[in-house]
Protein backbone atom coordinates (compact mmCIF):
# COMPACT_ATOMS: atom_id res chain seq x y z
CA MET A 1 -2.12 -28.01 -44.36
CA ARG A 2 -1.84 -25.59 -41.43
CA HIS A 3 0.37 -22.57 -41.77
CA GLN A 4 3.20 -21.80 -39.38
CA VAL A 5 2.88 -18.68 -37.29
CA GLU A 6 6.13 -16.82 -36.76
CA VAL A 7 6.57 -15.92 -33.12
CA ASN A 8 8.58 -12.81 -33.82
CA ARG A 9 5.70 -11.25 -35.78
CA TYR A 10 3.74 -10.65 -32.63
CA ASP A 11 4.50 -7.88 -30.17
CA PHE A 12 1.29 -8.92 -28.44
CA ILE A 13 3.17 -11.82 -26.81
CA ASP A 14 5.55 -9.43 -25.06
CA ALA A 15 2.58 -7.25 -24.17
CA LEU A 16 0.80 -10.19 -22.55
CA ARG A 17 3.88 -10.92 -20.45
CA GLY A 18 3.94 -7.28 -19.41
CA LEU A 19 0.26 -7.47 -18.49
CA ALA A 20 0.97 -10.65 -16.50
CA ILE A 21 3.69 -9.22 -14.26
CA LEU A 22 1.73 -6.11 -13.25
CA PRO A 23 -0.97 -7.91 -11.21
CA VAL A 24 1.69 -10.15 -9.62
CA ILE A 25 3.43 -7.05 -8.31
CA LEU A 26 0.02 -5.78 -7.20
CA ILE A 27 -0.61 -8.69 -4.84
CA HIS A 28 2.88 -8.48 -3.36
CA THR A 29 2.48 -4.75 -2.74
CA THR A 30 -0.27 -5.66 -0.25
CA TYR A 31 2.55 -7.02 1.93
CA ILE A 32 3.56 -3.38 2.43
CA VAL A 33 0.14 -1.86 2.96
CA GLN A 34 -3.40 -3.10 2.41
CA PRO A 35 -5.57 -0.78 0.30
CA GLY A 36 -8.48 0.62 2.25
CA GLN A 37 -10.94 0.61 -0.65
CA PRO A 38 -12.73 -2.81 -0.70
CA PHE A 39 -12.85 -3.20 -4.50
CA LEU A 40 -9.16 -2.29 -4.88
CA ARG A 41 -8.34 -4.74 -2.11
CA LEU A 42 -10.27 -7.47 -3.95
CA VAL A 43 -8.53 -6.71 -7.26
CA ALA A 44 -5.12 -6.73 -5.57
CA ALA A 45 -5.83 -10.06 -3.87
CA ASN A 46 -6.60 -11.63 -7.26
CA GLY A 47 -3.34 -10.30 -8.68
CA VAL A 48 -1.83 -13.65 -7.70
CA TYR A 49 -3.45 -15.11 -10.82
CA GLY A 50 -1.22 -13.08 -13.11
CA VAL A 51 1.03 -16.15 -13.05
CA GLN A 52 -1.64 -18.02 -15.01
CA LEU A 53 -1.37 -15.49 -17.83
CA PHE A 54 2.36 -16.27 -17.95
CA TYR A 55 1.48 -19.95 -18.32
CA VAL A 56 -1.04 -19.38 -21.11
CA VAL A 57 1.46 -17.25 -23.02
CA SER A 58 4.29 -19.70 -22.35
CA ALA A 59 2.41 -22.68 -23.81
CA LEU A 60 1.31 -20.65 -26.83
CA THR A 61 4.78 -19.26 -27.53
CA LEU A 62 6.69 -22.50 -27.08
CA PHE A 63 4.36 -24.49 -29.31
CA LEU A 64 4.65 -21.83 -32.01
CA SER A 65 8.42 -21.85 -31.56
CA ILE A 66 8.61 -25.61 -32.07
CA ASP A 67 6.60 -25.26 -35.27
CA GLN A 68 8.94 -22.57 -36.50
CA ARG A 69 12.19 -24.41 -35.75
CA LYS A 70 11.56 -28.12 -36.18
CA ALA A 71 11.87 -27.98 -39.97
CA ASN A 72 15.27 -26.26 -39.81
CA GLU A 73 17.07 -28.13 -37.01
CA SER A 74 18.50 -31.63 -36.89
CA ARG A 75 17.91 -32.00 -33.13
CA PRO A 76 14.85 -29.83 -32.37
CA THR A 77 14.01 -31.53 -29.07
CA LEU A 78 17.54 -31.29 -27.65
CA ASN A 79 17.80 -27.70 -28.87
CA PHE A 80 14.50 -26.90 -27.18
CA PHE A 81 15.81 -27.99 -23.79
CA ILE A 82 19.11 -26.16 -24.32
CA ARG A 83 17.27 -22.94 -25.11
CA ARG A 84 15.00 -23.24 -22.09
CA PHE A 85 17.83 -24.05 -19.69
CA PHE A 86 19.99 -21.13 -20.74
CA ARG A 87 16.95 -18.85 -20.76
CA ILE A 88 15.96 -19.68 -17.18
CA ALA A 89 18.99 -21.01 -15.30
CA PRO A 90 21.50 -18.10 -15.17
CA LEU A 91 19.18 -15.62 -13.47
CA PHE A 92 17.54 -18.32 -11.35
CA TYR A 93 20.89 -19.49 -9.98
CA LEU A 94 21.83 -15.92 -9.15
CA ALA A 95 18.46 -15.51 -7.44
CA LEU A 96 19.18 -18.59 -5.29
CA ILE A 97 22.30 -16.85 -4.00
CA VAL A 98 20.70 -13.45 -3.48
CA TYR A 99 17.60 -14.79 -1.75
CA THR A 100 19.81 -16.91 0.53
CA LEU A 101 21.83 -13.84 1.50
CA ILE A 102 18.64 -11.92 2.26
CA TYR A 103 16.49 -14.58 3.95
CA GLY A 104 19.18 -16.94 5.25
CA THR A 105 18.75 -20.67 5.75
CA GLY A 106 16.83 -20.64 9.01
CA PRO A 107 13.19 -21.65 9.51
CA ASN A 108 10.70 -19.80 7.33
CA TYR A 109 7.05 -20.06 6.34
CA TRP A 110 7.68 -22.70 3.67
CA THR A 111 10.39 -24.65 5.52
CA PRO A 112 9.63 -24.66 9.27
CA ASP A 113 12.74 -26.74 9.93
CA GLY A 114 15.05 -24.48 7.94
CA VAL A 115 16.60 -24.85 4.50
CA HIS A 116 18.73 -27.95 3.95
CA TRP A 117 21.22 -29.08 1.32
CA TRP A 118 18.71 -31.33 -0.46
CA GLN A 119 16.40 -28.37 -1.09
CA TYR A 120 19.25 -26.54 -2.78
CA LEU A 121 20.04 -29.63 -4.82
CA LEU A 122 16.44 -29.99 -5.98
CA SER A 123 16.31 -26.28 -6.83
CA ILE A 124 19.54 -26.39 -8.83
CA LEU A 125 18.20 -29.38 -10.78
CA PHE A 126 14.80 -27.68 -11.18
CA LEU A 127 13.13 -30.58 -9.39
CA ASN A 128 11.93 -28.57 -6.39
CA SER A 129 8.36 -28.49 -7.73
CA TRP A 130 7.99 -32.15 -6.73
CA HIS A 131 8.35 -31.64 -2.98
CA PRO A 132 6.05 -29.44 -0.84
CA GLU A 133 8.90 -28.26 1.38
CA ALA A 134 11.24 -27.52 -1.51
CA ILE A 135 9.05 -25.75 -4.04
CA ASN A 136 9.33 -22.35 -2.25
CA ALA A 137 12.10 -23.18 0.21
CA ILE A 138 14.74 -20.74 -1.02
CA ILE A 139 12.85 -18.33 -3.27
CA PRO A 140 9.41 -17.69 -1.73
CA ILE A 141 7.88 -17.13 -5.17
CA GLY A 142 9.98 -19.78 -6.91
CA TRP A 143 7.09 -22.21 -7.36
CA SER A 144 6.00 -20.70 -10.68
CA ILE A 145 9.47 -21.09 -12.21
CA ALA A 146 9.77 -24.64 -10.89
CA VAL A 147 6.40 -25.57 -12.40
CA GLU A 148 7.30 -23.91 -15.70
CA MET A 149 10.48 -26.00 -15.89
CA ALA A 150 8.53 -29.17 -15.04
CA PHE A 151 6.10 -28.40 -17.87
CA TYR A 152 8.97 -28.15 -20.36
CA TRP A 153 9.54 -31.90 -20.08
CA LEU A 154 6.01 -32.51 -21.35
CA ILE A 155 6.09 -30.11 -24.28
CA PRO A 156 7.72 -32.35 -26.95
CA PHE A 157 5.23 -35.12 -26.10
CA LEU A 158 2.21 -32.80 -25.96
CA HIS A 159 3.20 -31.12 -29.22
CA LYS A 160 3.04 -34.51 -30.94
CA MET A 161 -0.17 -35.66 -29.24
CA LEU A 162 -2.34 -32.54 -29.27
CA LYS A 163 -2.99 -31.93 -32.95
CA ASP A 164 -6.27 -30.00 -32.88
CA VAL A 165 -8.82 -28.20 -30.74
CA ARG A 166 -10.68 -31.42 -29.91
CA SER A 167 -7.65 -33.26 -28.51
CA THR A 168 -6.61 -30.15 -26.59
CA LEU A 169 -10.04 -29.81 -24.97
CA ILE A 170 -9.89 -33.47 -23.96
CA PHE A 171 -6.47 -32.83 -22.42
CA ILE A 172 -7.79 -29.85 -20.42
CA VAL A 173 -10.75 -31.79 -19.04
CA ALA A 174 -8.61 -34.87 -18.30
CA SER A 175 -6.05 -32.74 -16.46
CA LEU A 176 -8.84 -31.29 -14.26
CA PHE A 177 -9.89 -34.79 -13.26
CA LEU A 178 -6.28 -35.92 -12.76
CA GLN A 179 -5.49 -32.99 -10.47
CA LYS A 180 -8.51 -33.66 -8.27
CA LEU A 181 -7.85 -37.40 -8.11
CA LEU A 182 -4.19 -36.95 -7.15
CA ALA A 183 -4.98 -34.26 -4.57
CA VAL A 184 -7.65 -36.36 -2.87
CA THR A 185 -5.34 -39.38 -2.82
CA LEU A 186 -2.14 -37.69 -1.66
CA ASN A 187 -3.48 -35.01 0.67
CA PRO A 188 -4.06 -37.24 3.73
CA ILE A 189 -0.72 -38.98 3.19
CA LEU A 190 1.33 -35.78 3.00
CA ARG A 191 -0.47 -34.18 5.93
CA GLN A 192 0.91 -36.88 8.21
CA VAL A 193 4.48 -35.63 7.72
CA ILE A 194 4.16 -32.04 6.46
CA PRO A 195 2.24 -29.11 7.98
CA THR A 196 -1.31 -28.87 6.65
CA TYR A 197 -1.00 -25.29 5.39
CA ILE A 198 1.99 -26.24 3.23
CA VAL A 199 0.22 -29.28 1.81
CA ASN A 200 -2.90 -27.26 0.99
CA SER A 201 -0.84 -24.61 -0.79
CA TYR A 202 1.18 -27.24 -2.60
CA PHE A 203 -1.89 -28.67 -4.31
CA TYR A 204 -2.38 -25.25 -5.90
CA PHE A 205 1.29 -24.75 -6.72
CA TRP A 206 2.22 -28.08 -8.26
CA LEU A 207 2.29 -28.92 -11.97
CA PHE A 208 -0.92 -30.95 -12.03
CA ALA A 209 -2.98 -28.00 -10.78
CA GLN A 210 -1.53 -25.80 -13.52
CA LEU A 211 -1.85 -28.29 -16.41
CA PRO A 212 -5.37 -27.09 -17.34
CA VAL A 213 -4.02 -23.55 -17.64
CA PHE A 214 -1.13 -24.67 -19.82
CA GLY A 215 -3.77 -26.54 -21.81
CA LEU A 216 -5.62 -23.27 -22.38
CA GLY A 217 -2.40 -21.83 -23.79
CA ILE A 218 -2.15 -24.82 -26.13
CA LEU A 219 -5.77 -24.17 -27.14
CA ALA A 220 -4.77 -20.60 -28.03
CA TYR A 221 -2.00 -22.08 -30.17
CA GLN A 222 -4.43 -24.37 -32.00
CA ILE A 223 -6.61 -21.39 -32.85
CA ALA A 224 -3.70 -19.10 -33.79
CA ARG A 225 -2.16 -21.63 -36.18
CA ASN A 226 -5.42 -22.28 -38.02
CA PRO A 227 -5.22 -21.05 -41.64
CA GLN A 228 -8.53 -19.25 -41.18
CA SER A 229 -7.22 -17.25 -38.22
CA HIS A 230 -6.24 -13.74 -39.24
CA ARG A 231 -6.35 -10.24 -37.88
CA ASP A 232 -9.96 -9.34 -37.13
CA PRO A 233 -10.45 -6.08 -35.18
CA LYS A 234 -14.14 -6.71 -34.48
CA LEU A 235 -13.50 -10.19 -33.12
CA GLY A 236 -10.53 -8.91 -31.13
CA VAL A 237 -12.56 -6.14 -29.47
CA GLY A 238 -15.39 -8.56 -28.75
CA LEU A 239 -13.03 -11.02 -27.07
CA LEU A 240 -11.37 -8.21 -25.11
CA VAL A 241 -14.69 -6.98 -23.73
CA THR A 242 -15.69 -10.55 -22.91
CA SER A 243 -12.43 -11.28 -21.10
CA LEU A 244 -12.70 -8.07 -19.06
CA PHE A 245 -16.23 -9.06 -18.06
CA LEU A 246 -14.96 -12.51 -17.04
CA PHE A 247 -12.19 -10.99 -14.91
CA LEU A 248 -14.78 -8.98 -12.99
CA ALA A 249 -16.99 -12.05 -12.62
CA PHE A 250 -14.10 -14.18 -11.39
CA LEU A 251 -12.95 -11.73 -8.68
CA ASN A 252 -15.10 -13.71 -6.27
CA VAL A 253 -15.78 -17.18 -7.65
CA SER A 254 -15.87 -20.74 -6.38
CA SER A 255 -17.05 -24.13 -7.61
CA TYR A 256 -18.75 -27.07 -5.95
CA MET A 257 -16.22 -29.00 -3.82
CA ASP A 258 -13.56 -26.78 -5.40
CA LEU A 259 -13.66 -29.02 -8.48
CA ILE A 260 -12.40 -26.10 -10.55
CA HIS A 261 -10.02 -23.76 -8.76
CA PRO A 262 -10.35 -19.98 -9.37
CA HIS A 263 -6.97 -19.94 -11.15
CA VAL A 264 -8.49 -22.07 -13.92
CA PHE A 265 -11.37 -19.63 -14.29
CA PHE A 266 -8.86 -16.83 -14.64
CA GLY A 267 -7.01 -18.98 -17.18
CA ILE A 268 -10.18 -19.00 -19.28
CA GLY A 269 -10.29 -15.21 -19.09
CA PHE A 270 -6.63 -15.05 -20.06
CA LEU A 271 -7.32 -17.30 -23.04
CA GLY A 272 -9.86 -14.72 -24.18
CA LEU A 273 -7.40 -11.86 -23.60
CA THR A 274 -4.64 -13.69 -25.51
CA LEU A 275 -6.85 -14.33 -28.51
CA ALA A 276 -8.21 -10.79 -28.32
CA LEU A 277 -4.73 -9.32 -28.75
CA PHE A 278 -3.87 -11.94 -31.36
CA PHE A 279 -6.81 -10.91 -33.52
CA HIS A 280 -6.47 -7.21 -32.74
CA PRO A 281 -3.34 -5.93 -30.92
CA ILE A 282 -5.01 -2.77 -29.65
CA LYS A 283 -2.42 -0.07 -29.02
CA ILE A 284 -3.62 0.83 -25.55
CA LEU A 285 -2.41 -2.62 -24.42
CA VAL A 286 0.20 -3.49 -27.04
CA ASN A 287 2.46 -0.47 -26.68
CA PRO A 288 6.24 -0.01 -26.27
CA ILE A 289 6.11 0.37 -22.48
CA ILE A 290 4.07 -2.77 -21.78
CA CYS A 291 6.03 -4.72 -24.41
CA TRP A 292 9.29 -3.71 -22.73
CA LEU A 293 7.93 -4.80 -19.35
CA GLY A 294 7.16 -8.12 -21.02
CA LYS A 295 10.72 -8.50 -22.27
CA VAL A 296 12.14 -8.00 -18.76
CA SER A 297 9.25 -9.74 -16.97
CA TYR A 298 11.35 -12.71 -15.84
CA SER A 299 13.85 -10.42 -14.15
CA LEU A 300 11.02 -8.25 -12.88
CA TYR A 301 9.35 -11.27 -11.31
CA LEU A 302 12.42 -12.22 -9.28
CA VAL A 303 13.58 -8.68 -8.50
CA HIS A 304 10.36 -7.05 -7.32
CA PHE A 305 9.77 -9.45 -4.42
CA ILE A 306 13.14 -8.57 -2.92
CA LEU A 307 12.35 -4.89 -3.24
CA VAL A 308 9.02 -5.33 -1.44
CA VAL A 309 11.01 -6.28 1.68
CA TYR A 310 12.99 -3.03 1.66
CA ILE A 311 10.74 -0.47 0.01
CA GLN A 312 9.31 0.86 3.28
CA LYS A 313 12.83 1.48 4.55
CA LEU A 314 13.68 3.36 1.35
CA ILE A 315 10.47 5.32 0.93
CA HIS A 316 8.13 6.49 3.68
CA VAL A 317 4.67 7.23 2.33
CA GLN A 318 2.46 8.91 4.90
CA LEU A 319 -0.31 10.93 3.35
CA PRO A 320 -3.69 12.10 4.63
CA PHE A 321 -5.47 10.46 1.68
CA GLY A 322 -5.66 7.01 3.23
CA LYS A 323 -4.24 3.55 2.71
CA SER A 324 -5.49 3.16 -0.86
CA THR A 325 -3.41 6.12 -2.00
CA GLN A 326 -0.41 4.82 -0.10
CA PHE A 327 -0.91 1.43 -1.74
CA VAL A 328 -0.97 2.94 -5.25
CA LEU A 329 2.14 5.01 -4.60
CA TYR A 330 4.05 2.06 -3.19
CA TYR A 331 2.93 -0.05 -6.15
CA LEU A 332 4.24 2.52 -8.63
CA ALA A 333 7.50 2.78 -6.69
CA VAL A 334 8.00 -1.00 -6.74
CA VAL A 335 7.24 -1.18 -10.47
CA LEU A 336 9.58 1.68 -11.38
CA ILE A 337 12.53 0.71 -9.20
CA SER A 338 12.22 -2.99 -10.02
CA SER A 339 12.04 -2.18 -13.72
CA ALA A 340 15.27 -0.18 -13.52
CA ILE A 341 17.07 -3.06 -11.80
CA SER A 342 15.53 -5.59 -14.20
CA ALA A 343 16.85 -3.64 -17.18
CA VAL A 344 20.35 -4.32 -15.84
CA THR A 345 19.81 -8.01 -15.06
CA TYR A 346 18.12 -8.54 -18.42
CA ARG A 347 21.05 -7.02 -20.31
CA PHE A 348 23.92 -8.53 -18.33
CA ILE A 349 22.49 -11.89 -17.19
CA GLU A 350 19.50 -12.96 -19.26
CA LYS A 351 20.71 -11.93 -22.70
CA PRO A 352 24.23 -13.38 -22.31
CA GLY A 353 22.63 -16.64 -21.15
CA ILE A 354 20.37 -16.69 -24.20
CA ARG A 355 23.36 -16.02 -26.47
CA LEU A 356 25.34 -18.82 -24.83
CA GLY A 357 22.49 -21.24 -25.50
CA LYS A 358 22.30 -20.15 -29.13
CA GLN A 359 26.05 -20.58 -29.57
CA LEU A 360 25.91 -24.10 -28.14
CA ILE A 361 23.05 -25.01 -30.47
CA GLN A 362 24.90 -23.59 -33.47
CA LYS A 363 27.97 -25.69 -32.62
CA LEU A 364 25.89 -28.84 -32.29
CA GLU A 365 24.02 -28.13 -35.52
CA SER A 366 27.28 -27.38 -37.33
CA ARG A 367 28.82 -30.62 -36.07
CA THR A 368 25.78 -32.57 -37.25
CA SER A 369 25.97 -30.93 -40.67
CA ARG A 370 29.66 -31.85 -41.03
CA MET A 371 29.00 -35.44 -40.00
CA THR A 372 26.20 -35.68 -42.57
CA VAL A 373 28.38 -34.29 -45.35
CA GLU A 374 31.34 -36.52 -44.44
CA GLU A 375 29.24 -39.66 -44.12
CA PRO A 376 30.14 -42.04 -47.00
CA VAL A 377 27.43 -42.85 -49.49
CA SER A 378 26.59 -46.54 -49.45
């Protein structure tokens, strides 16, 4: 019998989220100024794959959460969706308004014909991940949230089907084949009605391209829940060194016919990093600052991109040390200012939404308990 791992025991999960948001901000800081140093420029360009660390951690955490709650709730599946909606929706809906006020509804990179009512409808329903011209129509970085919400619908099914490492590995490999098959089939069809650059990007953004990465998070869950898995500093350090080596190796990587996209390679590295901190939450990475960034990472994700648009108007960095120094200073400014704003949105938007979801679940659970007690014995 496998033991249940309590999610709240592990600060390393918050730390991983904090480590995920930092490279995402790094890539978006290049919109302000490109670093002059080639290696720094390469590292910043690969910051886009921080999203995949979010996905690995998300799958791990949600599977552990289901284990923890299913024995104590009468409607665990319904409660799961209630929790996820109230966790994501309040801030996302506010972001739809704010991004509309900033960017307007005219033509943009992701919607050359402008934003229309149906794109808002799909976004409100969290269905925008299923259309190339809706996935980033309103929030230019909204694709990752849309894909996350699409993955939620699969979690109850996958939790029942993927019982061990073997089945999870089969799922990862099958999802790689499925993604390639669907992309090859649909690409020429979509390109007839949608600009090619949007279609090409979409086949990276959409759920099927990210399923292998979510699968790696499920693999982390299978390992973490194993009764033989316990804190092991030597194993943790070994995995950390290995994952760092993989990150360096994957900074410039490709596969034959792009059968495996670089984001999957980074997902493998993030699997190693996740397990490394699970086995040994080394303090240099699992510390109060990074853990706090992880707690507000959802707000930070949505807030920082808005700030990138205005940071040059707020702060003028002109130093004789070159573009790399300017890049680092702008990056620190974006992180610090965005973090301050995110602290407010986390407290006054995210946390009240989470509480509202909990209250609704408690009412439903209480009603179920009363109905069970009042039900006549036959």
